[in-house]
Amino acid sequence: MKNITRACVCILIAALLLAPASVQAQKWEKYFDKYQDAYYKGEYKKAKKQIDKLKAKSIKKLGGNNKYFAYASILDARLSLAMGTLYGFDNQISEGLAVSEVANGKDSPDHGLNQLEAAEIKMDYGNFMQADLMLDNAGQILESNQLLEGDLKARFY
C-alpha cells in the first residue's frame, strides 16, 4: 500500500512538471494558427499583427534565440512577399535561419524544416539559385534524421 501511494505521488509530480511545457507549446501554436488563418484569408494586416505579437512575446519569455522566433521570422518574410513589401525580405529569412541554427542546432529536424520553408519562399520570390542551395541543405538534414518520407519528400520534387 505504501509503495502504491509513493508511485501515485511520483506520477502526479511528474505530470505537474511536464504540464507547463505542453501548455506553453499549445500557447505558441495558437499564435501560429491565428497567423495562418489570417494569411490564407488574405487579411495580411491581421497576420502581421499576430507575427509581431508572437515575436515580441517569444523574445520576452524565452530570450532572443528561440525556435518560435526563428520560425516567426521566416513566416514574416512570407508575409512581406505576399504584401509586396520586400524591403528587408532577405534579412528576415537570414535572421530566421541564423536564429534557427543557434536555437535548434545545425543538424536538427526543426532547422531542416525551417530551411525548407525558407527555400519555398525564395522560390516564390524567384531566387531559384538560393532556393536550390537551401533545398539541398534541408534535404541533407532531414535525410540524416531519417525524416525524408511521404509528403515531406514530395515537397522536394
Protein backbone atom coordinates (compact mmCIF):
# COMPACT_ATOMS: atom_id res chain seq x y z
CA MET A 1 0.00 0.00 0.00
CA LYS A 2 2.84 2.35 0.88
CA ASN A 3 4.56 1.65 -2.46
CA ILE A 4 1.37 2.34 -4.40
CA THR A 5 0.96 5.68 -2.64
CA ARG A 6 4.55 6.63 -3.44
CA ALA A 7 4.10 5.63 -7.07
CA CYS A 8 0.92 7.73 -7.33
CA VAL A 9 2.69 10.73 -5.79
CA CYS A 10 5.62 10.33 -8.21
CA ILE A 11 3.29 10.13 -11.20
CA LEU A 12 1.39 13.20 -10.01
CA ILE A 13 4.59 15.21 -9.57
CA ALA A 14 5.86 14.15 -13.00
CA ALA A 15 2.55 15.15 -14.59
CA LEU A 16 2.66 18.55 -12.91
CA LEU A 17 6.23 19.15 -14.04
CA LEU A 18 5.52 18.17 -17.63
CA ALA A 19 2.21 20.02 -17.96
CA PRO A 20 3.61 23.57 -18.23
CA ALA A 21 5.77 22.63 -21.24
CA SER A 22 2.83 21.25 -23.17
CA VAL A 23 0.63 24.20 -22.20
CA GLN A 24 3.35 26.60 -23.41
CA ALA A 25 3.63 24.76 -26.73
CA GLN A 26 -0.13 25.00 -27.21
CA LYS A 27 0.01 28.71 -26.44
CA TRP A 28 2.60 29.34 -29.17
CA GLU A 29 0.70 27.18 -31.63
CA LYS A 30 -2.35 29.38 -31.09
CA TYR A 31 -0.41 32.38 -32.42
CA PHE A 32 0.72 30.39 -35.45
CA ASP A 33 -2.84 29.19 -36.08
CA LYS A 34 -4.21 32.73 -35.90
CA TYR A 35 -1.47 33.89 -38.27
CA GLN A 36 -2.24 31.16 -40.77
CA ASP A 37 -5.98 31.77 -40.62
CA ALA A 38 -5.48 35.45 -41.36
CA TYR A 39 -2.80 34.80 -44.01
CA TYR A 40 -4.89 32.33 -46.00
CA LYS A 41 -7.91 34.63 -45.86
CA GLY A 42 -5.78 37.44 -47.30
CA GLU A 43 -6.03 39.53 -44.12
CA TYR A 44 -2.35 40.42 -44.14
CA LYS A 45 -2.56 43.23 -41.58
CA LYS A 46 -4.08 40.81 -39.07
CA ALA A 47 -1.44 38.22 -39.90
CA LYS A 48 1.33 40.80 -39.45
CA LYS A 49 -0.12 41.74 -36.07
CA GLN A 50 -0.07 38.08 -34.96
CA ILE A 51 3.50 37.53 -36.14
CA ASP A 52 4.72 40.70 -34.44
CA LYS A 53 2.94 39.70 -31.24
CA LEU A 54 4.44 36.21 -31.39
CA LYS A 55 7.95 37.56 -31.96
CA ALA A 56 7.67 40.04 -29.10
CA LYS A 57 6.26 37.52 -26.62
CA SER A 58 8.74 34.80 -27.56
CA ILE A 59 11.66 37.19 -27.03
CA LYS A 60 10.20 38.37 -23.73
CA LYS A 61 9.56 34.87 -22.36
CA LEU A 62 12.27 32.76 -24.00
CA GLY A 63 15.02 35.19 -25.00
CA GLY A 64 16.15 36.20 -28.48
CA ASN A 65 17.39 32.84 -29.72
CA ASN A 66 14.38 30.54 -29.62
CA LYS A 67 12.74 28.28 -32.16
CA TYR A 68 9.47 30.23 -32.19
CA PHE A 69 11.20 33.49 -33.07
CA ALA A 70 13.15 31.74 -35.82
CA TYR A 71 10.05 30.30 -37.46
CA ALA A 72 8.14 33.55 -36.98
CA SER A 73 10.89 35.47 -38.80
CA ILE A 74 10.64 33.10 -41.75
CA LEU A 75 6.85 33.42 -41.81
CA ASP A 76 7.25 37.20 -41.60
CA ALA A 77 9.31 37.01 -44.80
CA ARG A 78 6.49 35.04 -46.48
CA LEU A 79 4.06 37.71 -45.35
CA SER A 80 6.29 40.51 -46.65
CA LEU A 81 6.42 38.79 -50.02
CA ALA A 82 2.62 38.44 -50.10
CA MET A 83 2.16 42.09 -49.15
CA GLY A 84 4.73 43.26 -51.69
CA THR A 85 6.90 44.97 -49.07
CA LEU A 86 10.23 43.46 -49.99
CA TYR A 87 12.44 45.84 -48.02
CA GLY A 88 14.27 43.65 -45.52
CA PHE A 89 12.87 40.45 -47.03
CA ASP A 90 16.25 38.74 -47.34
CA ASN A 91 17.22 39.89 -43.84
CA GLN A 92 14.11 38.28 -42.36
CA ILE A 93 14.99 34.93 -43.90
CA SER A 94 18.67 35.20 -42.94
CA GLU A 95 17.79 36.20 -39.39
CA GLY A 96 15.28 33.37 -39.08
CA LEU A 97 17.75 30.77 -40.31
CA ALA A 98 20.59 32.11 -38.14
CA VAL A 99 18.41 32.01 -35.02
CA SER A 100 17.11 28.57 -36.00
CA GLU A 101 20.65 27.23 -36.29
CA VAL A 102 21.51 28.54 -32.81
CA ALA A 103 18.23 27.59 -31.13
CA ASN A 104 17.60 24.23 -32.78
CA GLY A 105 21.10 23.10 -33.73
CA LYS A 106 22.63 22.93 -37.19
CA ASP A 107 21.59 19.32 -37.85
CA SER A 108 18.22 19.28 -36.09
CA PRO A 109 14.99 18.38 -37.89
CA ASP A 110 13.44 21.73 -36.89
CA HIS A 111 16.27 23.62 -38.57
CA GLY A 112 15.86 21.44 -41.67
CA LEU A 113 12.15 22.24 -41.81
CA ASN A 114 12.88 25.96 -41.39
CA GLN A 115 15.33 25.76 -44.29
CA LEU A 116 12.71 24.00 -46.38
CA GLU A 117 10.18 26.74 -45.61
CA ALA A 118 12.74 29.43 -46.45
CA ALA A 119 13.57 27.68 -49.73
CA GLU A 120 9.92 27.63 -50.73
CA ILE A 121 9.67 31.36 -50.00
CA LYS A 122 12.79 32.03 -52.08
CA MET A 123 11.25 30.03 -54.95
CA ASP A 124 8.08 32.12 -54.74
CA TYR A 125 10.29 35.21 -54.86
CA GLY A 126 12.10 33.88 -57.92
CA ASN A 127 15.55 33.39 -56.44
CA PHE A 128 15.96 29.83 -57.63
CA MET A 129 19.70 29.52 -57.03
CA GLN A 130 19.45 30.31 -53.31
CA ALA A 131 16.32 28.18 -53.06
CA ASP A 132 18.17 25.24 -54.59
CA LEU A 133 21.02 25.59 -52.07
CA MET A 134 18.55 25.76 -49.19
CA LEU A 135 16.67 22.73 -50.51
CA ASP A 136 19.92 20.75 -50.70
CA ASN A 137 20.81 21.68 -47.10
CA ALA A 138 17.32 20.92 -45.85
CA GLY A 139 17.29 17.59 -47.69
CA GLN A 140 20.61 16.54 -46.17
CA ILE A 141 19.48 17.46 -42.66
CA LEU A 142 16.12 15.73 -42.95
CA GLU A 143 17.62 12.68 -44.61
CA SER A 144 20.26 12.33 -41.88
CA ASN A 145 17.44 12.40 -39.32
CA GLN A 146 15.51 9.82 -41.39
CA LEU A 147 12.52 12.13 -41.84
CA LEU A 148 12.51 12.42 -45.61
CA GLU A 149 9.46 10.31 -46.38
CA GLY A 150 5.94 10.69 -47.76
CA ASP A 151 4.52 14.19 -48.02
CA LEU A 152 7.72 15.79 -46.82
CA LYS A 153 9.72 14.06 -49.55
CA ALA A 154 7.20 15.24 -52.13
CA ARG A 155 7.95 18.86 -51.23
CA PHE A 156 11.42 18.39 -52.73
CA TYR A 157 10.18 17.47 -56.21
